[in-house]
Amino acid sequence: MKSKPMSILIVEDDVTDCNNLMSCAKGKDGIEIVGITDSDIEAIKYVKAKRPECIILDLELNDSTTGNTDSLGFLDNLNKLNLKYMPIIIVTTHVNSKRTYEILHRKGVDIIMYKDHPNYSSNAVFNKCLALRDTSPENTVEAFKEEMEDKEGRISECIYHELDLIGVTAKLKGRQYIHDAILYLIQNEKSDVNVIQHLTKVHKKSGNTITNGIQNAIIHAWRVSSIEDLLEHYTARVNYETGIPTPMEFIYYYVDKIKKII
C-alpha cells in the first residue's frame, strides 16, 4: 500500500462529469487531484509541472475552451515529452469502437471506460486508478522517485524538469552545460573554481564555446516559449534592454530555486 496519495490529473470538458469526479475525490482516501482542465494543450502543461501518477482523460473534448476536439493528439504529445516514467492513463468515452480502442491502446492507454455502461461511475474510475497503481508499481511516478535515492540524481532530475518547463530542450547543447553548471554550484558552494573553468575541464571546450552554448539555449527558450510560461517559471528580473538573462544570471537563478525545491 502506498503511503502517499496517488496524484491524478483530470482532463474533461463535461461540467457534470467534472463535478462528479471532484465530489467523489473529496470523499475518497488515497488520491489527490493535482489539476483539472478541459484542454489537451493545458493538460500537457500540467503533466510537465505536476508529474501526475495517473491521468483521467476524456476522449471527446468538443466543449473545450482551447485545443483539439479529441485526446489523440494529447497522447502523441505526452509520448514526445520523453518522461522518465509513464503515467497510468484511463480514457473515459461515449465512443464504443473496437478500432478506436485499438488505436488508444497503441498510444499507451491502460484502461478505456465506456461512459454509457450501466456500471460506469466516478468511483469506478478512481478504483481503476488505484488498482493499476498497486499492480504496476514499476510504471508509477512514485516508483520513479524511489529510484532516485542519491542526492545528485534528485538534483539532476529537478534541473532537467525546470529547464523543460521553459523550453530548454534536450536537443540544445547548452542545456547540458547549464545542467552541469547548476549541479556543480549546488554541490560545491565553497569552491574557488570558476564554474566556466569547471565546465571547460569537464567538456574539453573553450570558455567562449560553453558561454555561447548557454546563451544560445537561453535565446532559444525566450524565442519559442510563451510569455506566460516564462513569467510563471522564471521570476527573476530581466534586463529590459536585452530582454533575456545573461548566462550567469540564468544559472544562479536556478541554483537558488532548486536549492529551495530540494
C-alpha atoms as a PDB file:
ATOM      1  CA  MET A   1       0.000   0.000   0.000  1.00  0.00           C
ATOM      2  CA  LYS A   2       1.412   3.391  -0.996  1.00  0.00           C
ATOM      3  CA  SER A   3       1.926   5.853   1.844  1.00  0.00           C
ATOM      4  CA  LYS A   4       1.374   8.951  -0.294  1.00  0.00           C
ATOM      5  CA  PRO A   5      -1.878   9.806  -2.077  1.00  0.00           C
ATOM      6  CA  MET A   6      -1.982   8.992  -5.778  1.00  0.00           C
ATOM      7  CA  SER A   7      -1.659  12.204  -7.803  1.00  0.00           C
ATOM      8  CA  ILE A   8      -4.284  12.427 -10.544  1.00  0.00           C
ATOM      9  CA  LEU A   9      -4.829  14.857 -13.431  1.00  0.00           C
ATOM     10  CA  ILE A  10      -8.362  15.126 -14.858  1.00  0.00           C
ATOM     11  CA  VAL A  11      -8.831  16.151 -18.498  1.00  0.00           C
ATOM     12  CA  GLU A  12     -12.583  16.524 -19.023  1.00  0.00           C
ATOM     13  CA  ASP A  13     -14.811  19.068 -20.798  1.00  0.00           C
ATOM     14  CA  ASP A  14     -18.202  17.966 -19.451  1.00  0.00           C
ATOM     15  CA  VAL A  15     -19.074  20.127 -16.436  1.00  0.00           C
ATOM     16  CA  THR A  16     -21.309  17.476 -14.866  1.00  0.00           C
ATOM     17  CA  ASP A  17     -18.629  14.796 -15.204  1.00  0.00           C
ATOM     18  CA  CYS A  18     -16.045  17.163 -13.716  1.00  0.00           C
ATOM     19  CA  ASN A  19     -18.262  17.911 -10.739  1.00  0.00           C
ATOM     20  CA  ASN A  20     -18.970  14.219 -10.196  1.00  0.00           C
ATOM     21  CA  LEU A  21     -15.275  13.368 -10.248  1.00  0.00           C
ATOM     22  CA  MET A  22     -14.349  16.189  -7.894  1.00  0.00           C
ATOM     23  CA  SER A  23     -17.158  15.344  -5.455  1.00  0.00           C
ATOM     24  CA  CYS A  24     -16.126  11.712  -5.446  1.00  0.00           C
ATOM     25  CA  ALA A  25     -12.470  12.605  -4.920  1.00  0.00           C
ATOM     26  CA  LYS A  26     -13.263  14.648  -1.799  1.00  0.00           C
ATOM     27  CA  GLY A  27     -14.699  11.608  -0.084  1.00  0.00           C
ATOM     28  CA  LYS A  28     -12.112   9.100  -1.235  1.00  0.00           C
ATOM     29  CA  ASP A  29      -8.870   8.270   0.572  1.00  0.00           C
ATOM     30  CA  GLY A  30      -5.617   7.702  -1.253  1.00  0.00           C
ATOM     31  CA  ILE A  31      -5.990  10.168  -4.130  1.00  0.00           C
ATOM     32  CA  GLU A  32      -5.030  13.777  -4.733  1.00  0.00           C
ATOM     33  CA  ILE A  33      -6.321  15.808  -7.696  1.00  0.00           C
ATOM     34  CA  VAL A  34      -3.360  17.887  -8.897  1.00  0.00           C
ATOM     35  CA  GLY A  35      -5.136  19.512 -11.827  1.00  0.00           C
ATOM     36  CA  ILE A  36      -8.338  19.666 -13.835  1.00  0.00           C
ATOM     37  CA  THR A  37      -8.709  21.089 -17.344  1.00  0.00           C
ATOM     38  CA  ASP A  38     -10.875  20.797 -20.429  1.00  0.00           C
ATOM     39  CA  SER A  39      -7.938  21.416 -22.785  1.00  0.00           C
ATOM     40  CA  ASP A  40      -5.423  18.916 -24.139  1.00  0.00           C
ATOM     41  CA  ILE A  41      -2.938  21.785 -24.522  1.00  0.00           C
ATOM     42  CA  GLU A  42      -3.268  22.831 -20.879  1.00  0.00           C
ATOM     43  CA  ALA A  43      -3.086  19.165 -19.857  1.00  0.00           C
ATOM     44  CA  ILE A  44       0.449  18.872 -21.273  1.00  0.00           C
ATOM     45  CA  LYS A  45       1.469  21.869 -19.163  1.00  0.00           C
ATOM     46  CA  TYR A  46       0.003  20.174 -16.078  1.00  0.00           C
ATOM     47  CA  VAL A  47       1.966  16.998 -16.819  1.00  0.00           C
ATOM     48  CA  LYS A  48       5.209  18.972 -17.091  1.00  0.00           C
ATOM     49  CA  ALA A  49       4.593  20.878 -13.874  1.00  0.00           C
ATOM     50  CA  LYS A  50       2.836  18.310 -11.664  1.00  0.00           C
ATOM     51  CA  ARG A  51       4.099  14.888 -12.868  1.00  0.00           C
ATOM     52  CA  PRO A  52       0.787  13.101 -12.116  1.00  0.00           C
ATOM     53  CA  GLU A  53       0.797   9.367 -11.483  1.00  0.00           C
ATOM     54  CA  CYS A  54      -2.498   8.925 -13.292  1.00  0.00           C
ATOM     55  CA  ILE A  55      -4.372  10.839 -15.999  1.00  0.00           C
ATOM     56  CA  ILE A  56      -8.151  10.502 -16.371  1.00  0.00           C
ATOM     57  CA  LEU A  57      -8.629  11.526 -19.985  1.00  0.00           C
ATOM     58  CA  ASP A  58     -11.914  12.209 -21.733  1.00  0.00           C
ATOM     59  CA  LEU A  59     -11.600  11.142 -25.382  1.00  0.00           C
ATOM     60  CA  GLU A  60     -14.060  13.726 -26.717  1.00  0.00           C
ATOM     61  CA  LEU A  61     -13.234  17.337 -25.871  1.00  0.00           C
ATOM     62  CA  ASN A  62     -15.830  19.032 -28.075  1.00  0.00           C
ATOM     63  CA  ASP A  63     -16.635  21.711 -25.494  1.00  0.00           C
ATOM     64  CA  SER A  64     -13.009  22.503 -24.689  1.00  0.00           C
ATOM     65  CA  THR A  65     -12.191  26.214 -24.467  1.00  0.00           C
ATOM     66  CA  THR A  66      -8.848  25.651 -26.219  1.00  0.00           C
ATOM     67  CA  GLY A  67      -7.122  22.836 -28.040  1.00  0.00           C
ATOM     68  CA  ASN A  68      -8.357  19.828 -30.014  1.00  0.00           C
ATOM     69  CA  THR A  69     -11.747  18.119 -30.027  1.00  0.00           C
ATOM     70  CA  ASP A  70     -10.270  14.745 -29.146  1.00  0.00           C
ATOM     71  CA  SER A  71      -7.405  13.499 -26.977  1.00  0.00           C
ATOM     72  CA  LEU A  72      -5.435  11.551 -29.571  1.00  0.00           C
ATOM     73  CA  GLY A  73      -3.082  14.465 -30.108  1.00  0.00           C
ATOM     74  CA  PHE A  74      -2.560  14.750 -26.359  1.00  0.00           C
ATOM     75  CA  LEU A  75      -1.364  11.141 -26.227  1.00  0.00           C
ATOM     76  CA  ASP A  76       1.115  11.808 -29.043  1.00  0.00           C
ATOM     77  CA  ASN A  77       2.404  14.946 -27.309  1.00  0.00           C
ATOM     78  CA  LEU A  78       2.639  13.091 -24.000  1.00  0.00           C
ATOM     79  CA  ASN A  79       4.899  10.481 -25.589  1.00  0.00           C
ATOM     80  CA  LYS A  80       7.071  13.258 -27.089  1.00  0.00           C
ATOM     81  CA  LEU A  81       7.850  14.555 -23.578  1.00  0.00           C
ATOM     82  CA  ASN A  82      10.107  11.517 -23.030  1.00  0.00           C
ATOM     83  CA  LEU A  83       9.203  11.374 -19.343  1.00  0.00           C
ATOM     84  CA  LYS A  84      11.345   9.183 -17.106  1.00  0.00           C
ATOM     85  CA  TYR A  85       8.135   7.456 -16.024  1.00  0.00           C
ATOM     86  CA  MET A  86       4.826   6.664 -17.725  1.00  0.00           C
ATOM     87  CA  PRO A  87       1.619   7.889 -16.082  1.00  0.00           C
ATOM     88  CA  ILE A  88      -1.278   5.483 -15.803  1.00  0.00           C
ATOM     89  CA  ILE A  89      -3.796   6.624 -18.424  1.00  0.00           C
ATOM     90  CA  ILE A  90      -7.510   5.918 -18.130  1.00  0.00           C
ATOM     91  CA  VAL A  91      -9.635   7.107 -21.046  1.00  0.00           C
ATOM     92  CA  THR A  92     -13.339   7.775 -20.492  1.00  0.00           C
ATOM     93  CA  THR A  93     -15.571   7.983 -23.561  1.00  0.00           C
ATOM     94  CA  HIS A  94     -19.023   7.691 -25.097  1.00  0.00           C
ATOM     95  CA  VAL A  95     -17.425   6.055 -28.141  1.00  0.00           C
ATOM     96  CA  ASN A  96     -17.828   2.295 -28.436  1.00  0.00           C
ATOM     97  CA  SER A  97     -15.474   1.386 -31.280  1.00  0.00           C
ATOM     98  CA  LYS A  98     -13.037  -1.520 -31.353  1.00  0.00           C
ATOM     99  CA  ARG A  99     -10.833   0.275 -33.888  1.00  0.00           C
ATOM    100  CA  THR A 100     -10.689   3.419 -31.758  1.00  0.00           C
ATOM    101  CA  TYR A 101      -9.879   1.358 -28.680  1.00  0.00           C
ATOM    102  CA  GLU A 102      -7.037  -0.389 -30.510  1.00  0.00           C
ATOM    103  CA  ILE A 103      -5.584   2.982 -31.502  1.00  0.00           C
ATOM    104  CA  LEU A 104      -5.810   4.233 -27.913  1.00  0.00           C
ATOM    105  CA  HIS A 105      -4.024   1.180 -26.536  1.00  0.00           C
ATOM    106  CA  ARG A 106      -1.248   1.558 -29.128  1.00  0.00           C
ATOM    107  CA  LYS A 107      -0.785   5.123 -27.929  1.00  0.00           C
ATOM    108  CA  GLY A 108      -0.230   3.948 -24.336  1.00  0.00           C
ATOM    109  CA  VAL A 109      -3.709   3.981 -22.770  1.00  0.00           C
ATOM    110  CA  ASP A 110      -4.055   1.456 -19.940  1.00  0.00           C
ATOM    111  CA  ILE A 111      -7.828   1.280 -19.491  1.00  0.00           C
ATOM    112  CA  ILE A 112     -10.796   2.520 -21.558  1.00  0.00           C
ATOM    113  CA  MET A 113     -14.027   3.066 -19.620  1.00  0.00           C
ATOM    114  CA  TYR A 114     -17.277   3.380 -21.590  1.00  0.00           C
ATOM    115  CA  LYS A 115     -19.342   6.179 -20.054  1.00  0.00           C
ATOM    116  CA  ASP A 116     -22.668   4.678 -21.136  1.00  0.00           C
ATOM    117  CA  HIS A 117     -22.019   1.360 -19.399  1.00  0.00           C
ATOM    118  CA  PRO A 118     -24.515   0.814 -16.533  1.00  0.00           C
ATOM    119  CA  ASN A 119     -21.697   0.268 -14.032  1.00  0.00           C
ATOM    120  CA  TYR A 120     -19.757   3.399 -15.005  1.00  0.00           C
ATOM    121  CA  SER A 121     -19.254   5.914 -12.200  1.00  0.00           C
ATOM    122  CA  SER A 122     -16.661   8.342 -10.871  1.00  0.00           C
ATOM    123  CA  ASN A 123     -15.965   5.937  -8.047  1.00  0.00           C
ATOM    124  CA  ALA A 124     -15.317   3.117 -10.522  1.00  0.00           C
ATOM    125  CA  VAL A 125     -12.850   5.319 -12.384  1.00  0.00           C
ATOM    126  CA  PHE A 126     -10.874   6.131  -9.244  1.00  0.00           C
ATOM    127  CA  ASN A 127     -10.926   2.474  -8.175  1.00  0.00           C
ATOM    128  CA  LYS A 128      -9.320   1.573 -11.508  1.00  0.00           C
ATOM    129  CA  CYS A 129      -6.633   4.206 -10.901  1.00  0.00           C
ATOM    130  CA  LEU A 130      -5.759   2.757  -7.515  1.00  0.00           C
ATOM    131  CA  ALA A 131      -5.909  -0.843  -8.736  1.00  0.00           C
ATOM    132  CA  LEU A 132      -3.485  -0.120 -11.576  1.00  0.00           C
ATOM    133  CA  ARG A 133      -1.171   1.671  -9.182  1.00  0.00           C
ATOM    134  CA  ASP A 134      -0.954  -1.385  -6.940  1.00  0.00           C
ATOM    135  CA  THR A 135      -0.452  -3.856  -9.796  1.00  0.00           C
ATOM    136  CA  SER A 136       2.030  -1.799 -11.842  1.00  0.00           C
ATOM    137  CA  PRO A 137       4.369  -0.062  -9.366  1.00  0.00           C
ATOM    138  CA  GLU A 138       7.226  -0.036 -11.844  1.00  0.00           C
ATOM    139  CA  ASN A 139       5.312   2.402 -14.060  1.00  0.00           C
ATOM    140  CA  THR A 140       4.287   4.933 -11.436  1.00  0.00           C
ATOM    141  CA  VAL A 141       5.846   8.271 -10.655  1.00  0.00           C
ATOM    142  CA  GLU A 142       6.191   7.117  -7.047  1.00  0.00           C
ATOM    143  CA  ALA A 143       8.424   4.240  -8.156  1.00  0.00           C
ATOM    144  CA  PHE A 144      10.448   6.687 -10.209  1.00  0.00           C
ATOM    145  CA  LYS A 145      11.002   8.896  -7.174  1.00  0.00           C
ATOM    146  CA  GLU A 146      12.075   5.897  -5.118  1.00  0.00           C
ATOM    147  CA  GLU A 147      14.707   5.008  -7.716  1.00  0.00           C
ATOM    148  CA  MET A 148      16.263   8.457  -7.383  1.00  0.00           C
ATOM    149  CA  GLU A 149      17.758   7.706  -3.994  1.00  0.00           C
ATOM    150  CA  ASP A 150      21.010   9.592  -4.249  1.00  0.00           C
ATOM    151  CA  LYS A 151      21.025  13.345  -3.859  1.00  0.00           C
ATOM    152  CA  GLU A 152      22.769  14.025  -7.152  1.00  0.00           C
ATOM    153  CA  GLY A 153      20.110  12.117  -9.031  1.00  0.00           C
ATOM    154  CA  ARG A 154      17.339  14.127  -7.404  1.00  0.00           C
ATOM    155  CA  ILE A 155      19.060  17.420  -8.122  1.00  0.00           C
ATOM    156  CA  SER A 156      19.767  16.439 -11.702  1.00  0.00           C
ATOM    157  CA  GLU A 157      16.176  15.437 -12.374  1.00  0.00           C
ATOM    158  CA  CYS A 158      14.937  18.664 -10.826  1.00  0.00           C
ATOM    159  CA  ILE A 159      17.236  20.724 -13.057  1.00  0.00           C
ATOM    160  CA  TYR A 160      16.072  18.992 -16.219  1.00  0.00           C
ATOM    161  CA  HIS A 161      12.447  19.386 -15.188  1.00  0.00           C
ATOM    162  CA  GLU A 162      12.844  23.126 -14.640  1.00  0.00           C
ATOM    163  CA  LEU A 163      14.604  23.536 -17.995  1.00  0.00           C
ATOM    164  CA  ASP A 164      11.825  21.598 -19.738  1.00  0.00           C
ATOM    165  CA  LEU A 165       9.241  23.981 -18.317  1.00  0.00           C
ATOM    166  CA  ILE A 166      10.726  26.954 -20.171  1.00  0.00           C
ATOM    167  CA  GLY A 167      11.696  25.218 -23.402  1.00  0.00           C
ATOM    168  CA  VAL A 168      15.415  24.497 -22.912  1.00  0.00           C
ATOM    169  CA  THR A 169      15.058  21.175 -24.694  1.00  0.00           C
ATOM    170  CA  ALA A 170      17.335  18.146 -24.836  1.00  0.00           C
ATOM    171  CA  LYS A 171      18.385  18.911 -28.416  1.00  0.00           C
ATOM    172  CA  LEU A 172      20.231  22.055 -27.274  1.00  0.00           C
ATOM    173  CA  LYS A 173      23.908  21.564 -26.447  1.00  0.00           C
ATOM    174  CA  GLY A 174      23.771  24.443 -23.987  1.00  0.00           C
ATOM    175  CA  ARG A 175      21.234  22.512 -21.903  1.00  0.00           C
ATOM    176  CA  GLN A 176      23.955  20.115 -20.719  1.00  0.00           C
ATOM    177  CA  TYR A 177      26.305  22.993 -19.914  1.00  0.00           C
ATOM    178  CA  ILE A 178      23.526  24.685 -17.908  1.00  0.00           C
ATOM    179  CA  HIS A 179      22.698  21.460 -16.079  1.00  0.00           C
ATOM    180  CA  ASP A 180      26.327  20.775 -15.181  1.00  0.00           C
ATOM    181  CA  ALA A 181      26.896  24.369 -14.037  1.00  0.00           C
ATOM    182  CA  ILE A 182      23.867  24.358 -11.723  1.00  0.00           C
ATOM    183  CA  LEU A 183      24.733  20.925 -10.330  1.00  0.00           C
ATOM    184  CA  TYR A 184      28.348  21.941  -9.715  1.00  0.00           C
ATOM    185  CA  LEU A 185      27.417  25.169  -7.906  1.00  0.00           C
ATOM    186  CA  ILE A 186      24.883  23.393  -5.680  1.00  0.00           C
ATOM    187  CA  GLN A 187      27.363  20.654  -4.756  1.00  0.00           C
ATOM    188  CA  ASN A 188      30.406  22.909  -4.410  1.00  0.00           C
ATOM    189  CA  GLU A 189      29.203  26.072  -2.676  1.00  0.00           C
ATOM    190  CA  LYS A 190      32.617  26.795  -1.149  1.00  0.00           C
ATOM    191  CA  SER A 191      34.737  26.023  -4.199  1.00  0.00           C
ATOM    192  CA  ASP A 192      37.058  28.729  -5.509  1.00  0.00           C
ATOM    193  CA  VAL A 193      36.955  27.302  -9.048  1.00  0.00           C
ATOM    194  CA  ASN A 194      35.026  29.433 -11.520  1.00  0.00           C
ATOM    195  CA  VAL A 195      32.053  27.490 -12.889  1.00  0.00           C
ATOM    196  CA  ILE A 196      33.017  28.147 -16.521  1.00  0.00           C
ATOM    197  CA  GLN A 197      36.531  26.905 -15.792  1.00  0.00           C
ATOM    198  CA  HIS A 198      34.984  23.756 -14.314  1.00  0.00           C
ATOM    199  CA  LEU A 199      32.893  23.238 -17.452  1.00  0.00           C
ATOM    200  CA  THR A 200      35.885  23.677 -19.748  1.00  0.00           C
ATOM    201  CA  LYS A 201      37.661  20.830 -17.956  1.00  0.00           C
ATOM    202  CA  VAL A 202      34.612  18.563 -17.984  1.00  0.00           C
ATOM    203  CA  HIS A 203      33.613  19.120 -21.615  1.00  0.00           C
ATOM    204  CA  LYS A 204      37.041  19.863 -23.102  1.00  0.00           C
ATOM    205  CA  LYS A 205      35.680  23.012 -24.752  1.00  0.00           C
ATOM    206  CA  SER A 206      36.776  26.636 -24.624  1.00  0.00           C
ATOM    207  CA  GLY A 207      35.120  29.070 -22.253  1.00  0.00           C
ATOM    208  CA  ASN A 208      33.688  31.011 -25.200  1.00  0.00           C
ATOM    209  CA  THR A 209      32.160  27.858 -26.687  1.00  0.00           C
ATOM    210  CA  ILE A 210      30.485  26.971 -23.415  1.00  0.00           C
ATOM    211  CA  THR A 211      29.264  30.510 -22.711  1.00  0.00           C
ATOM    212  CA  ASN A 212      27.870  30.819 -26.244  1.00  0.00           C
ATOM    213  CA  GLY A 213      26.159  27.446 -25.913  1.00  0.00           C
ATOM    214  CA  ILE A 214      24.447  28.538 -22.712  1.00  0.00           C
ATOM    215  CA  GLN A 215      23.473  31.899 -24.213  1.00  0.00           C
ATOM    216  CA  ASN A 216      22.036  30.246 -27.333  1.00  0.00           C
ATOM    217  CA  ALA A 217      19.938  27.888 -25.197  1.00  0.00           C
ATOM    218  CA  ILE A 218      18.537  30.880 -23.276  1.00  0.00           C
ATOM    219  CA  ILE A 219      17.792  32.752 -26.507  1.00  0.00           C
ATOM    220  CA  HIS A 220      16.014  29.674 -27.867  1.00  0.00           C
ATOM    221  CA  ALA A 221      13.855  29.408 -24.736  1.00  0.00           C
ATOM    222  CA  TRP A 222      12.826  33.068 -24.866  1.00  0.00           C
ATOM    223  CA  ARG A 223      12.063  32.734 -28.578  1.00  0.00           C
ATOM    224  CA  VAL A 224       9.905  29.589 -28.551  1.00  0.00           C
ATOM    225  CA  SER A 225       8.266  29.588 -25.098  1.00  0.00           C
ATOM    226  CA  SER A 226       5.098  31.508 -24.333  1.00  0.00           C
ATOM    227  CA  ILE A 227       5.430  34.637 -22.258  1.00  0.00           C
ATOM    228  CA  GLU A 228       3.016  33.065 -19.737  1.00  0.00           C
ATOM    229  CA  ASP A 229       5.323  30.065 -19.198  1.00  0.00           C
ATOM    230  CA  LEU A 230       8.379  32.283 -18.840  1.00  0.00           C
ATOM    231  CA  LEU A 231       6.714  34.617 -16.358  1.00  0.00           C
ATOM    232  CA  GLU A 232       5.449  31.663 -14.322  1.00  0.00           C
ATOM    233  CA  HIS A 233       8.660  29.644 -14.179  1.00  0.00           C
ATOM    234  CA  TYR A 234      11.403  32.310 -14.422  1.00  0.00           C
ATOM    235  CA  THR A 235      10.519  35.024 -11.952  1.00  0.00           C
ATOM    236  CA  ALA A 236      13.804  36.953 -11.797  1.00  0.00           C
ATOM    237  CA  ARG A 237      14.028  40.380 -13.343  1.00  0.00           C
ATOM    238  CA  VAL A 238      15.332  40.509 -16.898  1.00  0.00           C
ATOM    239  CA  ASN A 239      17.343  43.399 -18.360  1.00  0.00           C
ATOM    240  CA  TYR A 240      14.816  45.470 -20.304  1.00  0.00           C
ATOM    241  CA  GLU A 241      17.407  46.338 -22.974  1.00  0.00           C
ATOM    242  CA  THR A 242      18.314  42.757 -23.903  1.00  0.00           C
ATOM    243  CA  GLY A 243      15.055  41.087 -22.926  1.00  0.00           C
ATOM    244  CA  ILE A 244      16.847  37.933 -21.738  1.00  0.00           C
ATOM    245  CA  PRO A 245      19.031  36.992 -18.744  1.00  0.00           C
ATOM    246  CA  THR A 246      22.790  36.610 -19.042  1.00  0.00           C
ATOM    247  CA  PRO A 247      24.219  33.091 -18.673  1.00  0.00           C
ATOM    248  CA  MET A 248      25.334  33.727 -15.098  1.00  0.00           C
ATOM    249  CA  GLU A 249      22.068  35.404 -14.100  1.00  0.00           C
ATOM    250  CA  PHE A 250      20.193  32.418 -15.505  1.00  0.00           C
ATOM    251  CA  ILE A 251      22.404  29.805 -13.834  1.00  0.00           C
ATOM    252  CA  TYR A 252      22.407  31.422 -10.393  1.00  0.00           C
ATOM    253  CA  TYR A 253      18.634  31.945 -10.513  1.00  0.00           C
ATOM    254  CA  TYR A 254      18.188  28.186 -10.914  1.00  0.00           C
ATOM    255  CA  VAL A 255      20.824  27.384  -8.305  1.00  0.00           C
ATOM    256  CA  ASP A 256      18.778  29.333  -5.761  1.00  0.00           C
ATOM    257  CA  LYS A 257      15.445  27.980  -6.993  1.00  0.00           C
ATOM    258  CA  ILE A 258      16.477  24.332  -6.953  1.00  0.00           C
ATOM    259  CA  LYS A 259      18.059  24.633  -3.506  1.00  0.00           C
ATOM    260  CA  LYS A 260      14.646  25.671  -2.223  1.00  0.00           C
ATOM    261  CA  ILE A 261      12.913  22.825  -4.014  1.00  0.00           C
ATOM    262  CA  ILE A 262      15.203  20.071  -2.777  1.00  0.00           C
END
